[in-house]
């Protein structure tokens, strides 16, 4: 009797769809219609398509001058598809077409977008698309109004979509450096980045919370308004704390050893903007290559953490960092449970967070090692001084799908570009997703081995 074939894990679908979109994007970017002059090397087309689909923002050619409006439109579509997630669009099409979605699609989208898979997928997907388009349109409108000459309508929409999707692609060779002192432009970009990096479940909950508050005010209700969930509180508090601490660290360091010629307001605005953009947005208002080593290390940490689960952001996510910190505090206190606020973290979540941090660290460390070999393996240390930090910065930026660069990316060898492509792909889908795929092919043992203690430290 032929053994029954098990259905493919739903976690495989995002990997296949992202890979297909990247290949299609690379082919479109290789067309003559996409290029201003000459041709693009296949590795560079693949790199650009991966960076756009994985909403990273690292580039090997200048987006504004190398690609035609058609090529830029292709990049913009890839950013939008990558930001919302290929599975979101696919499931939405099935929902509108048949008003029915398979269980596999439901599980895959639920795991990628929400912390709670018990939801009405059809209504959620429609709300996600509507909210995304509305936020991007509002952002583009404000950007255009603040500077109509610098941001014509098409350019404003390109940057608004890139900011909301945390992509970091810019049509300007110096990113947003020329608007470093423009408070309005900075605030709009920061708002788009933060909203896009909070996660769709947080946005949906915040919308309901705001509506309930407004209804209470209009109808003069005296009952207590609903509170945000524990999960939303953890995400938002951790996000605010990271942005604030990152801005203070960057401000102090650059004040001491950086851009002393800038005014106090410019320094504060630049520090806040770079702290926000390290949430995997990739825009910059100051030259990254001119920052101090301490600033680069602070930014590496912020990039590695990233944004919230189910958002356009990458990284290990703020909830992972909060869980890890709670785990450390628990050991200092000597308590049994890992507590965050009024709840304790279950063991499965704790194990997943620890596995994610270890797995991500191993991936980045391995990539840094390979890049050191491919980019400076034959160069003596005195001649390659500083290269290791630049490589580490580039690797974390790629893995966390940030897109900030010290200028190393365009000079990478083909092997180096291949490593960065792999980092962007794994980082966008998340190491946990790949681990889930591997676990789908594993068999659980029906027995446990006897346990024994082992001296540690």
Foldseek 3Di string as FASTA:
>chain_A
DDDDDDDAQLLVVLLVQLVVQLVVQLVQCQDPQFFPDDGDDSLQSSLLSLLLLLLQAAHLDQNQHGTDPVNLVSSLVSNLCNFQGVLLVVQQVCCVVPVDGDPSSLVNLCQQFHPDSPDDSNVLSVVVVVVLVVLLVVLLVQLCVLPVPVQPSVQSSSLSSSLLLLRQHHSDPQFQQVCLPPPSNLVSSLVSNQNQQAGSVLVVQVVVQVVQVVVCVVVVPDDDGDDRDPVSVQQVVLLVVQLVVQLVQQLVQCCVPNDVVDDPSSSSSQSSSLSSLLLQNAGHNDQPLRGDLSNLVSSLVSNQQHGDGNGSWWHLYSVLVLQVVLVVVCVVVVDDFSDDPPDTDDPVVSVLSVVQVVVLVVLLVVLLVVQCCQPPVPPDCVVCPPVSSQSSSLSSSLLRSRNHHNPCVNVGDSVNSVSSSVSSSCRSSGVVSVVVSVVVPDDDDPDDDDDDDDDDD
